[in-house]
C-alpha atoms as a PDB file:
ATOM      1  CA  UNK A   1      27.836  69.356   3.615  1.00  0.00           C
ATOM      2  CA  UNK A   2      26.743  70.354   0.040  1.00  0.00           C
ATOM      3  CA  UNK A   3      28.069  68.349  -2.867  1.00  0.00           C
ATOM      4  CA  UNK A   4      30.857  69.858  -4.925  1.00  0.00           C
ATOM      5  CA  UNK A   5      30.146  70.000  -8.673  1.00  0.00           C
ATOM      6  CA  UNK A   6      32.072  67.447 -10.665  1.00  0.00           C
ATOM      7  CA  UNK A   7      34.597  68.953 -13.110  1.00  0.00           C
ATOM      8  CA  UNK A   8      32.815  67.501 -16.167  1.00  0.00           C
ATOM      9  CA  UNK A   9      29.576  69.166 -15.066  1.00  0.00           C
ATOM     10  CA  UNK A  10      31.265  72.549 -14.798  1.00  0.00           C
ATOM     11  CA  UNK A  11      32.751  72.137 -18.272  1.00  0.00           C
ATOM     12  CA  UNK A  12      29.297  71.667 -19.800  1.00  0.00           C
ATOM     13  CA  UNK A  13      28.429  75.290 -19.072  1.00  0.00           C
ATOM     14  CA  UNK A  14      30.843  76.284 -21.849  1.00  0.00           C
ATOM     15  CA  UNK A  15      28.436  74.801 -24.413  1.00  0.00           C
ATOM     16  CA  UNK A  16      26.592  78.117 -24.580  1.00  0.00           C
ATOM     17  CA  UNK A  17      29.691  80.003 -25.666  1.00  0.00           C
ATOM     18  CA  UNK A  18      30.333  80.657 -29.392  1.00  0.00           C
ATOM     19  CA  UNK A  19      32.620  78.172 -31.087  1.00  0.00           C
ATOM     20  CA  UNK A  20      35.160  79.205 -33.701  1.00  0.00           C
ATOM     21  CA  UNK A  21      35.897  76.723 -36.501  1.00  0.00           C
ATOM     22  CA  UNK A  22      39.592  75.958 -36.496  1.00  0.00           C
ATOM     23  CA  UNK A  23      39.591  73.392 -39.284  1.00  0.00           C
ATOM     24  CA  UNK A  24      37.674  75.588 -41.733  1.00  0.00           C
ATOM     25  CA  UNK A  25      39.351  78.978 -41.376  1.00  0.00           C
ATOM     26  CA  UNK A  26      39.613  79.279 -45.166  1.00  0.00           C
ATOM     27  CA  UNK A  27      35.815  79.369 -45.407  1.00  0.00           C
ATOM     28  CA  UNK A  28      34.468  82.696 -44.059  1.00  0.00           C
ATOM     29  CA  UNK A  29      30.970  81.207 -43.643  1.00  0.00           C
ATOM     30  CA  UNK A  30      32.381  78.760 -41.073  1.00  0.00           C
ATOM     31  CA  UNK A  31      33.551  81.413 -38.614  1.00  0.00           C
ATOM     32  CA  UNK A  32      30.624  80.787 -36.275  1.00  0.00           C
ATOM     33  CA  UNK A  33      29.246  77.311 -35.699  1.00  0.00           C
ATOM     34  CA  UNK A  34      25.797  76.373 -34.512  1.00  0.00           C
ATOM     35  CA  UNK A  35      24.583  72.933 -33.405  1.00  0.00           C
ATOM     36  CA  UNK A  36      22.700  70.728 -35.827  1.00  0.00           C
ATOM     37  CA  UNK A  37      20.931  68.153 -33.680  1.00  0.00           C
ATOM     38  CA  UNK A  38      18.991  65.215 -35.029  1.00  0.00           C
ATOM     39  CA  UNK A  39      18.826  61.495 -34.428  1.00  0.00           C
ATOM     40  CA  UNK A  40      19.655  58.780 -36.924  1.00  0.00           C
ATOM     41  CA  UNK A  41      19.499  54.998 -36.658  1.00  0.00           C
ATOM     42  CA  UNK A  42      22.510  53.464 -34.925  1.00  0.00           C
ATOM     43  CA  UNK A  43      23.447  51.427 -38.020  1.00  0.00           C
ATOM     44  CA  UNK A  44      23.447  54.571 -40.197  1.00  0.00           C
ATOM     45  CA  UNK A  45      25.609  56.425 -37.682  1.00  0.00           C
ATOM     46  CA  UNK A  46      28.101  53.559 -37.615  1.00  0.00           C
ATOM     47  CA  UNK A  47      28.243  53.375 -41.454  1.00  0.00           C
ATOM     48  CA  UNK A  48      28.535  57.168 -41.792  1.00  0.00           C
ATOM     49  CA  UNK A  49      31.330  57.342 -39.216  1.00  0.00           C
ATOM     50  CA  UNK A  50      33.209  54.388 -40.719  1.00  0.00           C
ATOM     51  CA  UNK A  51      33.057  55.990 -44.164  1.00  0.00           C
ATOM     52  CA  UNK A  52      34.467  59.236 -42.772  1.00  0.00           C
ATOM     53  CA  UNK A  53      37.264  57.406 -40.931  1.00  0.00           C
ATOM     54  CA  UNK A  54      38.156  55.280 -43.957  1.00  0.00           C
ATOM     55  CA  UNK A  55      38.430  58.409 -46.112  1.00  0.00           C
ATOM     56  CA  UNK A  56      40.281  60.463 -43.506  1.00  0.00           C
ATOM     57  CA  UNK A  57      37.662  63.201 -43.175  1.00  0.00           C
ATOM     58  CA  UNK A  58      35.522  64.424 -40.319  1.00  0.00           C
ATOM     59  CA  UNK A  59      31.851  63.572 -40.075  1.00  0.00           C
ATOM     60  CA  UNK A  60      31.068  67.280 -40.380  1.00  0.00           C
ATOM     61  CA  UNK A  61      33.061  67.540 -43.611  1.00  0.00           C
ATOM     62  CA  UNK A  62      31.320  64.420 -44.943  1.00  0.00           C
ATOM     63  CA  UNK A  63      27.897  65.882 -44.159  1.00  0.00           C
ATOM     64  CA  UNK A  64      28.767  69.248 -45.735  1.00  0.00           C
ATOM     65  CA  UNK A  65      30.200  67.664 -48.888  1.00  0.00           C
ATOM     66  CA  UNK A  66      27.229  65.310 -49.183  1.00  0.00           C
ATOM     67  CA  UNK A  67      24.822  68.239 -48.947  1.00  0.00           C
ATOM     68  CA  UNK A  68      26.798  70.248 -51.537  1.00  0.00           C
ATOM     69  CA  UNK A  69      26.811  67.308 -53.986  1.00  0.00           C
ATOM     70  CA  UNK A  70      23.085  66.688 -53.460  1.00  0.00           C
ATOM     71  CA  UNK A  71      22.271  70.363 -54.098  1.00  0.00           C
ATOM     72  CA  UNK A  72      24.338  70.312 -57.315  1.00  0.00           C
ATOM     73  CA  UNK A  73      22.683  67.076 -58.487  1.00  0.00           C
ATOM     74  CA  UNK A  74      19.179  68.424 -57.819  1.00  0.00           C
ATOM     75  CA  UNK A  75      19.822  71.859 -59.247  1.00  0.00           C
ATOM     76  CA  UNK A  76      19.781  73.736 -55.906  1.00  0.00           C
END
């Protein structure tokens, strides 16, 4: 008898569907999200995540704000 797909496997197929930003509806540029995939050292990830949690913001918001501040500091 063939194996039945596990529910979590079936859910992964939804990764190809467009995602709408619910937290950033005020920002029209955020209407469509795209993945940003890269690896960082485990210690950096832990520090980055802890900083976000301690300041009550998401990791995405922390990354976006960090990038905005860096661009301003370097003159775009």
